[in-house]
C-alpha cells in the first residue's frame, strides 16, 4: 500500500512530465456470479488496489455472491477464485483487482468501480483491503460472523442499520489515510472490537440493538476519534500512560485509573474501552 501511494504521488513531483500518456486508459465492464448450492457459510476476501468499492447484502437470492466490475484493462487485472470444502458446506471466495504497473498512474484509474453483493442468508466471514479510492460497506441484513476491514487512501464508510442475526466473534477496523465513518456498530452483536485510527480521523457510532457486553480497544491516530454511544449503555474507559492527547468525556466520573459513565452501575449492557497512543484525542458523546 505504501508503495502504491508513493507511485501516485511521484507524478506531482514532476509536473512537467505527462505520465498519464504512457498508459492509455482502456475501460471495460464485466459481471460474475456464483450460484448458491450446499454452502452453509462463506469466507470472503476482497482486495481492491485503486477505485471505488461497494459491498452490500443481497436478499432472497439464488446467488452466493455476484459482482459488477468496471476497470482499466490496460493497467489492472482482476482475479476471482472460488472453492468449497469437500462436503460443499463451506464456501471460500476471494477477489482482487491489482495494478499491473507501478508507474505512470493516470488519474482516470480511480474510475475503477466494484459493486459486490453477498448472500445474506448464510454466516459470512469478511476480510476487505481497500486501496486508493472510496470504500463503502453496507452490511445491513448480512450475517456477519467476522469482519476485518483495512481502509486505504480515501474515504471509508461502514453502515449497519439492522441487527446482526448471529454473534460477530471478531471485529477489526483499521483506518488508512482519510476519514472513516462507521454507523450502527451496536447492531453487529460483537464481543470484541479493535480499531486502529490511522491518519484523517474517524467516527465510531455504536447505535443499534445491543445484546451483550463488549470490549473495545482503540488506537487513536492523527485526527482523533469521535465515539458516539447510546445513553443506555454503561461505559468504562481506561487510557494507557503513553496516550499523547486528551480524553473528552461527558458525564463520566473518575475512580482510580478508570472513568465510569454516570449510568454504569445501573446499565444492563456495559462496554469497556481501552485507549492507547495517538496524536489526536478521543471524544465520547451520548446519543
Protein backbone atom coordinates (compact mmCIF):
# COMPACT_ATOMS: atom_id res chain seq x y z
CA UNK A 1 0.00 0.00 0.00
CA UNK A 2 2.80 2.42 0.85
CA UNK A 3 4.48 1.72 -2.48
CA UNK A 4 1.23 2.27 -4.32
CA UNK A 5 0.55 5.57 -2.56
CA UNK A 6 4.10 6.69 -3.40
CA UNK A 7 3.55 5.81 -7.05
CA UNK A 8 0.52 8.07 -7.10
CA UNK A 9 2.42 10.96 -5.55
CA UNK A 10 5.53 10.84 -7.74
CA UNK A 11 3.87 12.40 -10.83
CA UNK A 12 3.02 15.50 -8.82
CA UNK A 13 6.70 15.93 -8.02
CA UNK A 14 7.47 16.00 -11.75
CA UNK A 15 4.72 18.28 -13.01
CA UNK A 16 6.45 18.82 -16.32
CA UNK A 17 6.16 15.14 -17.26
CA UNK A 18 2.87 13.72 -18.54
CA UNK A 19 2.98 10.23 -17.09
CA UNK A 20 -0.66 9.63 -18.00
CA UNK A 21 0.19 9.35 -21.70
CA UNK A 22 2.42 6.34 -21.06
CA UNK A 23 -0.53 4.06 -20.29
CA UNK A 24 -3.71 4.82 -22.26
CA UNK A 25 -6.91 4.06 -20.39
CA UNK A 26 -8.95 1.09 -21.66
CA UNK A 27 -12.12 0.80 -19.57
CA UNK A 28 -14.08 -2.47 -19.74
CA UNK A 29 -17.04 -3.90 -17.82
CA UNK A 30 -17.63 -7.42 -16.57
CA UNK A 31 -20.02 -9.30 -14.27
CA UNK A 32 -19.74 -12.56 -12.41
CA UNK A 33 -21.85 -14.67 -10.06
CA UNK A 34 -21.69 -17.92 -8.12
CA UNK A 35 -24.89 -19.89 -7.57
CA UNK A 36 -25.82 -20.94 -4.05
CA UNK A 37 -25.73 -24.72 -3.67
CA UNK A 38 -24.94 -26.59 -0.42
CA UNK A 39 -22.99 -23.77 1.25
CA UNK A 40 -23.84 -23.04 4.87
CA UNK A 41 -21.05 -20.48 5.44
CA UNK A 42 -18.95 -18.19 3.25
CA UNK A 43 -15.40 -16.93 3.80
CA UNK A 44 -14.76 -13.88 1.58
CA UNK A 45 -11.57 -11.90 0.96
CA UNK A 46 -11.66 -8.73 -1.15
CA UNK A 47 -8.68 -6.60 -2.20
CA UNK A 48 -9.11 -3.54 -4.44
CA UNK A 49 -5.99 -1.57 -5.39
CA UNK A 50 -7.46 1.60 -6.89
CA UNK A 51 -11.02 2.85 -7.35
CA UNK A 52 -14.44 2.89 -5.70
CA UNK A 53 -15.77 -0.21 -3.99
CA UNK A 54 -19.20 -1.03 -2.56
CA UNK A 55 -20.14 -4.21 -0.71
CA UNK A 56 -23.77 -4.97 0.12
CA UNK A 57 -26.07 -7.80 1.08
CA UNK A 58 -28.41 -9.50 -1.38
CA UNK A 59 -31.83 -10.64 -0.22
CA UNK A 60 -33.79 -13.69 -1.42
CA UNK A 61 -31.17 -14.58 -3.99
CA UNK A 62 -30.09 -17.86 -5.53
CA UNK A 63 -26.56 -16.48 -5.75
CA UNK A 64 -23.83 -16.97 -3.18
CA UNK A 65 -22.27 -13.76 -4.46
CA UNK A 66 -22.35 -11.58 -7.55
CA UNK A 67 -20.41 -8.55 -8.71
CA UNK A 68 -20.28 -5.88 -11.39
CA UNK A 69 -16.83 -4.52 -12.21
CA UNK A 70 -15.65 -1.64 -14.37
CA UNK A 71 -11.89 -1.31 -14.65
CA UNK A 72 -8.95 -0.16 -16.75
CA UNK A 73 -7.84 -3.26 -18.61
CA UNK A 74 -4.58 -1.59 -19.67
CA UNK A 75 -3.31 -1.27 -16.10
CA UNK A 76 -5.26 -3.66 -13.88
CA UNK A 77 -6.10 -7.32 -13.72
CA UNK A 78 -8.99 -8.88 -11.76
CA UNK A 79 -8.55 -12.24 -10.10
CA UNK A 80 -11.54 -14.26 -8.83
CA UNK A 81 -11.26 -17.58 -7.04
CA UNK A 82 -13.90 -19.80 -5.52
CA UNK A 83 -13.77 -23.25 -3.99
CA UNK A 84 -15.75 -25.17 -1.43
CA UNK A 85 -14.97 -27.67 1.30
CA UNK A 86 -15.19 -31.34 0.39
CA UNK A 87 -18.73 -31.64 1.70
CA UNK A 88 -19.71 -28.40 -0.05
CA UNK A 89 -20.98 -26.64 3.06
CA UNK A 90 -18.19 -24.02 3.40
CA UNK A 91 -17.54 -21.65 0.51
CA UNK A 92 -14.29 -19.73 0.06
CA UNK A 93 -14.34 -16.70 -2.22
CA UNK A 94 -11.56 -14.26 -3.00
CA UNK A 95 -11.48 -11.26 -5.33
CA UNK A 96 -8.67 -8.86 -6.12
CA UNK A 97 -8.05 -6.07 -8.59
CA UNK A 98 -4.33 -5.48 -8.81
CA UNK A 99 -2.26 -2.98 -10.72
CA UNK A 100 -0.01 -4.40 -13.42
CA UNK A 101 2.08 -1.18 -13.44
CA UNK A 102 3.70 0.77 -10.63
CA UNK A 103 4.48 3.89 -12.63
CA UNK A 104 2.58 6.10 -14.99
CA UNK A 105 -0.63 6.00 -12.94
CA UNK A 106 -3.28 8.10 -14.69
CA UNK A 107 -5.92 9.96 -12.69
CA UNK A 108 -8.66 8.06 -14.56
CA UNK A 109 -7.51 4.83 -12.90
CA UNK A 110 -9.63 6.00 -9.98
CA UNK A 111 -12.66 5.26 -12.20
CA UNK A 112 -12.34 1.55 -11.40
CA UNK A 113 -15.60 0.51 -9.76
CA UNK A 114 -16.70 -2.65 -7.97
CA UNK A 115 -20.15 -3.49 -6.63
CA UNK A 116 -20.15 -6.80 -4.77
CA UNK A 117 -23.34 -8.37 -3.38
CA UNK A 118 -23.12 -11.21 -0.84
CA UNK A 119 -25.87 -13.62 0.12
CA UNK A 120 -27.43 -12.52 3.41
CA UNK A 121 -28.90 -15.91 4.31
CA UNK A 122 -25.70 -17.62 5.50
CA UNK A 123 -22.99 -16.65 8.04
CA UNK A 124 -20.18 -14.62 6.50
CA UNK A 125 -16.52 -14.09 7.34
CA UNK A 126 -15.41 -10.96 5.53
CA UNK A 127 -11.92 -9.53 5.01
CA UNK A 128 -11.60 -6.32 2.98
CA UNK A 129 -8.48 -4.40 1.96
CA UNK A 130 -9.26 -1.09 0.28
CA UNK A 131 -6.64 0.71 -1.78
CA UNK A 132 -6.70 4.23 -3.19
CA UNK A 133 -10.28 5.48 -3.52
CA UNK A 134 -13.56 5.37 -1.64
CA UNK A 135 -14.91 2.25 0.07
CA UNK A 136 -18.44 1.62 1.29
CA UNK A 137 -19.60 -1.41 3.24
CA UNK A 138 -23.39 -1.59 3.60
CA UNK A 139 -23.72 -4.55 5.95
CA UNK A 140 -27.41 -4.31 6.85
CA UNK A 141 -29.10 -7.71 6.69
CA UNK A 142 -25.89 -9.71 6.37
CA UNK A 143 -25.00 -12.40 8.92
CA UNK A 144 -21.51 -11.23 9.90
CA UNK A 145 -19.56 -13.76 11.96
CA UNK A 146 -16.22 -11.99 11.46
CA UNK A 147 -15.11 -8.70 9.89
CA UNK A 148 -11.63 -7.36 9.12
CA UNK A 149 -11.57 -4.06 7.26
CA UNK A 150 -8.44 -2.13 6.27
CA UNK A 151 -9.06 1.26 4.68
CA UNK A 152 -6.57 2.70 2.21
CA UNK A 153 -6.20 6.24 0.89
CA UNK A 154 -9.62 7.90 0.66
CA UNK A 155 -12.97 7.99 2.41
CA UNK A 156 -14.40 4.85 4.01
CA UNK A 157 -17.92 4.25 5.32
CA UNK A 158 -19.45 1.27 7.11
CA UNK A 159 -23.16 1.10 7.88
CA UNK A 160 -25.22 -1.48 9.78
CA UNK A 161 -28.86 -0.47 10.10
CA UNK A 162 -30.29 -3.88 11.04
CA UNK A 163 -29.39 -6.20 13.93
CA UNK A 164 -26.91 -8.95 13.09
CA UNK A 165 -28.75 -12.26 13.47
CA UNK A 166 -25.62 -14.06 14.71
CA UNK A 167 -22.75 -13.13 17.06
CA UNK A 168 -19.78 -11.37 15.47
CA UNK A 169 -16.85 -13.01 17.20
CA UNK A 170 -14.10 -10.92 15.59
CA UNK A 171 -14.30 -7.27 14.53
CA UNK A 172 -11.21 -5.29 13.48
CA UNK A 173 -11.22 -1.91 11.70
CA UNK A 174 -8.10 -0.10 10.53
CA UNK A 175 -8.15 3.36 9.03
CA UNK A 176 -5.66 4.46 6.41
CA UNK A 177 -5.20 7.98 5.06
CA UNK A 178 -8.58 9.68 5.01
CA UNK A 179 -11.70 9.72 7.11
CA UNK A 180 -13.53 6.62 8.30
CA UNK A 181 -17.16 6.66 9.44
CA UNK A 182 -18.84 3.59 10.92
CA UNK A 183 -22.56 3.81 11.75
CA UNK A 184 -24.68 1.30 13.67
CA UNK A 185 -21.84 -0.76 15.13
CA UNK A 186 -24.08 -1.75 18.04
CA UNK A 187 -26.12 -3.83 15.59
CA UNK A 188 -23.18 -6.13 14.83
CA UNK A 189 -23.58 -8.09 18.08
CA UNK A 190 -19.82 -8.13 18.63
CA UNK A 191 -17.91 -9.23 21.71
CA UNK A 192 -14.59 -7.53 20.93
CA UNK A 193 -13.68 -4.66 18.62
CA UNK A 194 -10.20 -3.43 17.69
CA UNK A 195 -9.78 -0.08 15.96
CA UNK A 196 -6.59 1.50 14.58
CA UNK A 197 -7.03 5.19 13.83
CA UNK A 198 -4.57 5.83 11.01
CA UNK A 199 -4.45 9.35 9.54
CA UNK A 200 -7.51 11.50 9.00
CA UNK A 201 -9.81 10.92 11.95
CA UNK A 202 -12.77 8.64 12.49
CA UNK A 203 -16.33 8.50 13.79
CA UNK A 204 -17.45 5.29 15.51
CA UNK A 205 -21.21 5.26 16.02
CA UNK A 206 -22.39 2.48 18.35
CA UNK A 207 -26.13 2.87 17.92
CA UNK A 208 -28.08 -0.30 17.37
CA UNK A 209 -29.58 -3.30 19.15
CA UNK A 210 -27.04 -4.33 21.78
CA UNK A 211 -27.29 -7.94 23.00
CA UNK A 212 -24.20 -8.41 25.21
CA UNK A 213 -21.30 -6.71 26.95
CA UNK A 214 -18.26 -5.86 24.84
CA UNK A 215 -14.62 -4.84 24.97
CA UNK A 216 -13.27 -2.12 22.66
CA UNK A 217 -9.60 -1.30 22.04
CA UNK A 218 -8.85 1.98 20.25
CA UNK A 219 -5.50 3.16 18.92
CA UNK A 220 -6.05 6.85 18.29
CA UNK A 221 -4.39 8.14 15.13
CA UNK A 222 -3.85 11.56 13.61
CA UNK A 223 -7.16 13.44 13.53
CA UNK A 224 -8.66 11.79 16.60
CA UNK A 225 -11.65 9.53 17.18
CA UNK A 226 -15.22 10.52 17.94
CA UNK A 227 -17.17 7.77 19.71
CA UNK A 228 -20.97 8.11 19.68
CA UNK A 229 -22.64 5.93 22.28
CA UNK A 230 -26.33 5.29 23.14
CA UNK A 231 -27.26 6.71 26.53
CA UNK A 232 -28.46 3.37 27.90
CA UNK A 233 -25.02 1.75 27.54
CA UNK A 234 -22.71 1.80 30.56
CA UNK A 235 -19.14 2.72 29.61
CA UNK A 236 -15.81 2.27 31.39
CA UNK A 237 -12.75 3.97 29.90
CA UNK A 238 -9.08 3.27 30.56
CA UNK A 239 -6.21 5.04 28.82
CA UNK A 240 -2.59 3.96 28.51
CA UNK A 241 0.04 6.02 30.29
CA UNK A 242 1.65 6.90 26.96
CA UNK A 243 -1.59 8.28 25.49
CA UNK A 244 -0.41 11.52 23.87
CA UNK A 245 -3.60 13.55 23.73
CA UNK A 246 -6.66 14.24 25.81
CA UNK A 247 -9.82 12.39 26.65
CA UNK A 248 -13.04 14.36 26.20
CA UNK A 249 -15.68 12.60 28.27
CA UNK A 250 -19.15 13.89 29.06
CA UNK A 251 -20.96 12.62 32.18
CA UNK A 252 -18.11 10.43 33.43
CA UNK A 253 -16.68 10.04 36.92
CA UNK A 254 -13.09 9.07 37.60
CA UNK A 255 -12.30 6.31 40.09
CA UNK A 256 -8.72 5.15 40.50
CA UNK A 257 -7.34 4.95 36.93
CA UNK A 258 -10.73 4.40 35.26
CA UNK A 259 -13.52 6.66 34.04
CA UNK A 260 -17.09 5.42 34.54
CA UNK A 261 -20.20 6.80 32.89
CA UNK A 262 -22.79 8.06 35.37
CA UNK A 263 -25.18 5.27 34.38
CA UNK A 264 -22.58 2.48 34.62
CA UNK A 265 -23.85 0.74 37.76
CA UNK A 266 -27.45 0.57 36.53
CA UNK A 267 -26.81 -0.24 32.87
CA UNK A 268 -27.95 -3.62 31.53
CA UNK A 269 -25.23 -3.55 28.85
CA UNK A 270 -21.68 -2.47 29.69
CA UNK A 271 -18.74 -1.63 27.44
CA UNK A 272 -15.07 -1.34 28.38
CA UNK A 273 -12.95 0.96 26.20
CA UNK A 274 -9.16 0.89 26.32
CA UNK A 275 -7.43 3.80 24.60
CA UNK A 276 -3.79 3.91 23.61
CA UNK A 277 -1.28 6.23 21.96
CA UNK A 278 -2.16 8.69 19.23
CA UNK A 279 -1.66 12.29 18.15
CA UNK A 280 -5.37 13.06 18.12
CA UNK A 281 -7.75 12.93 21.06
CA UNK A 282 -10.75 10.75 21.83
CA UNK A 283 -14.21 12.14 22.48
CA UNK A 284 -17.27 10.24 23.69
CA UNK A 285 -20.66 11.82 23.07
CA UNK A 286 -24.07 10.44 24.02
CA UNK A 287 -26.98 9.82 21.67
